[in-house]
């Protein structure tokens, strides 16, 4: 997932992606702990995608706060 793709999302889509990525991270972490994770980089990628989503959400929130002040 590219940052430009994340920036095009609506706030509702960002919330859905955030929830989905959090669930995916939990699932992958459980698999890793059970030693059944085929691709270890999949967990790293999911964490990075979640970080991108949260970064865009925080950028938009701070921009909204700046516009109101």
C-alpha atoms as a PDB file:
ATOM      1  CA  UNK A   1       0.000   0.000   0.000  1.00  0.00           C
ATOM      2  CA  UNK A   2       1.501   3.289  -1.094  1.00  0.00           C
ATOM      3  CA  UNK A   3       1.106   6.494   0.930  1.00  0.00           C
ATOM      4  CA  UNK A   4      -0.554   8.165  -2.047  1.00  0.00           C
ATOM      5  CA  UNK A   5      -3.205   5.415  -2.054  1.00  0.00           C
ATOM      6  CA  UNK A   6      -3.876   5.976   1.633  1.00  0.00           C
ATOM      7  CA  UNK A   7      -4.186   9.744   1.193  1.00  0.00           C
ATOM      8  CA  UNK A   8      -6.947   9.250  -1.396  1.00  0.00           C
ATOM      9  CA  UNK A   9      -9.143   7.373   1.092  1.00  0.00           C
ATOM     10  CA  UNK A  10     -12.082   8.917   2.890  1.00  0.00           C
ATOM     11  CA  UNK A  11     -12.100   8.982   6.703  1.00  0.00           C
ATOM     12  CA  UNK A  12     -14.566   6.072   6.738  1.00  0.00           C
ATOM     13  CA  UNK A  13     -12.314   3.989   4.491  1.00  0.00           C
ATOM     14  CA  UNK A  14      -9.321   4.819   6.680  1.00  0.00           C
ATOM     15  CA  UNK A  15     -11.178   3.603   9.773  1.00  0.00           C
ATOM     16  CA  UNK A  16     -12.115   0.359   8.008  1.00  0.00           C
ATOM     17  CA  UNK A  17      -8.530  -0.198   6.864  1.00  0.00           C
ATOM     18  CA  UNK A  18      -7.251   0.504  10.358  1.00  0.00           C
ATOM     19  CA  UNK A  19      -9.600  -2.093  11.872  1.00  0.00           C
ATOM     20  CA  UNK A  20      -8.744  -4.665   9.205  1.00  0.00           C
ATOM     21  CA  UNK A  21      -5.016  -4.135   9.627  1.00  0.00           C
ATOM     22  CA  UNK A  22      -5.225  -4.411  13.418  1.00  0.00           C
ATOM     23  CA  UNK A  23      -7.058  -7.723  13.063  1.00  0.00           C
ATOM     24  CA  UNK A  24      -4.516  -8.927  10.507  1.00  0.00           C
ATOM     25  CA  UNK A  25      -1.638  -8.028  12.829  1.00  0.00           C
ATOM     26  CA  UNK A  26      -3.221  -9.976  15.686  1.00  0.00           C
ATOM     27  CA  UNK A  27      -3.772 -12.995  13.436  1.00  0.00           C
ATOM     28  CA  UNK A  28      -0.215 -12.888  12.100  1.00  0.00           C
ATOM     29  CA  UNK A  29       1.248 -12.446  15.585  1.00  0.00           C
ATOM     30  CA  UNK A  30      -0.594 -15.525  16.788  1.00  0.00           C
ATOM     31  CA  UNK A  31       0.685 -17.469  13.794  1.00  0.00           C
ATOM     32  CA  UNK A  32       4.224 -16.278  14.456  1.00  0.00           C
ATOM     33  CA  UNK A  33       4.023 -17.370  18.080  1.00  0.00           C
ATOM     34  CA  UNK A  34       2.771 -20.797  16.984  1.00  0.00           C
ATOM     35  CA  UNK A  35       5.702 -20.977  14.521  1.00  0.00           C
ATOM     36  CA  UNK A  36       3.349 -21.289  11.556  1.00  0.00           C
ATOM     37  CA  UNK A  37       4.035 -17.988   9.834  1.00  0.00           C
ATOM     38  CA  UNK A  38       5.162 -18.710   6.276  1.00  0.00           C
ATOM     39  CA  UNK A  39       6.248 -15.189   5.371  1.00  0.00           C
ATOM     40  CA  UNK A  40       7.676 -13.205   8.313  1.00  0.00           C
ATOM     41  CA  UNK A  41       7.734 -10.052   6.191  1.00  0.00           C
ATOM     42  CA  UNK A  42       3.941 -10.148   5.981  1.00  0.00           C
ATOM     43  CA  UNK A  43       3.727  -9.056   9.629  1.00  0.00           C
ATOM     44  CA  UNK A  44       6.232  -6.253   9.048  1.00  0.00           C
ATOM     45  CA  UNK A  45       4.301  -5.067   5.992  1.00  0.00           C
ATOM     46  CA  UNK A  46       1.009  -5.045   7.907  1.00  0.00           C
ATOM     47  CA  UNK A  47       2.565  -2.949  10.670  1.00  0.00           C
ATOM     48  CA  UNK A  48       3.942  -0.479   8.148  1.00  0.00           C
ATOM     49  CA  UNK A  49       0.577  -0.218   6.413  1.00  0.00           C
ATOM     50  CA  UNK A  50      -1.090   0.465   9.760  1.00  0.00           C
ATOM     51  CA  UNK A  51       1.506   3.152  10.479  1.00  0.00           C
ATOM     52  CA  UNK A  52       0.731   4.787   7.126  1.00  0.00           C
ATOM     53  CA  UNK A  53      -2.990   4.802   7.843  1.00  0.00           C
ATOM     54  CA  UNK A  54      -2.490   6.253  11.335  1.00  0.00           C
ATOM     55  CA  UNK A  55      -0.098   8.892   9.992  1.00  0.00           C
ATOM     56  CA  UNK A  56      -2.628  10.111   7.435  1.00  0.00           C
ATOM     57  CA  UNK A  57      -5.388  10.151  10.061  1.00  0.00           C
ATOM     58  CA  UNK A  58      -3.207  12.211  12.410  1.00  0.00           C
ATOM     59  CA  UNK A  59      -2.188  14.592   9.612  1.00  0.00           C
ATOM     60  CA  UNK A  60      -5.825  15.220   8.773  1.00  0.00           C
ATOM     61  CA  UNK A  61      -6.764  15.677  12.431  1.00  0.00           C
ATOM     62  CA  UNK A  62      -3.978  18.215  13.005  1.00  0.00           C
ATOM     63  CA  UNK A  63      -4.922  20.040   9.784  1.00  0.00           C
ATOM     64  CA  UNK A  64      -8.528  20.250  10.984  1.00  0.00           C
ATOM     65  CA  UNK A  65      -7.402  21.594  14.344  1.00  0.00           C
ATOM     66  CA  UNK A  66      -5.187  24.149  12.611  1.00  0.00           C
ATOM     67  CA  UNK A  67      -8.043  25.298  10.374  1.00  0.00           C
ATOM     68  CA  UNK A  68     -10.365  25.819  13.347  1.00  0.00           C
ATOM     69  CA  UNK A  69      -7.866  27.890  15.347  1.00  0.00           C
END
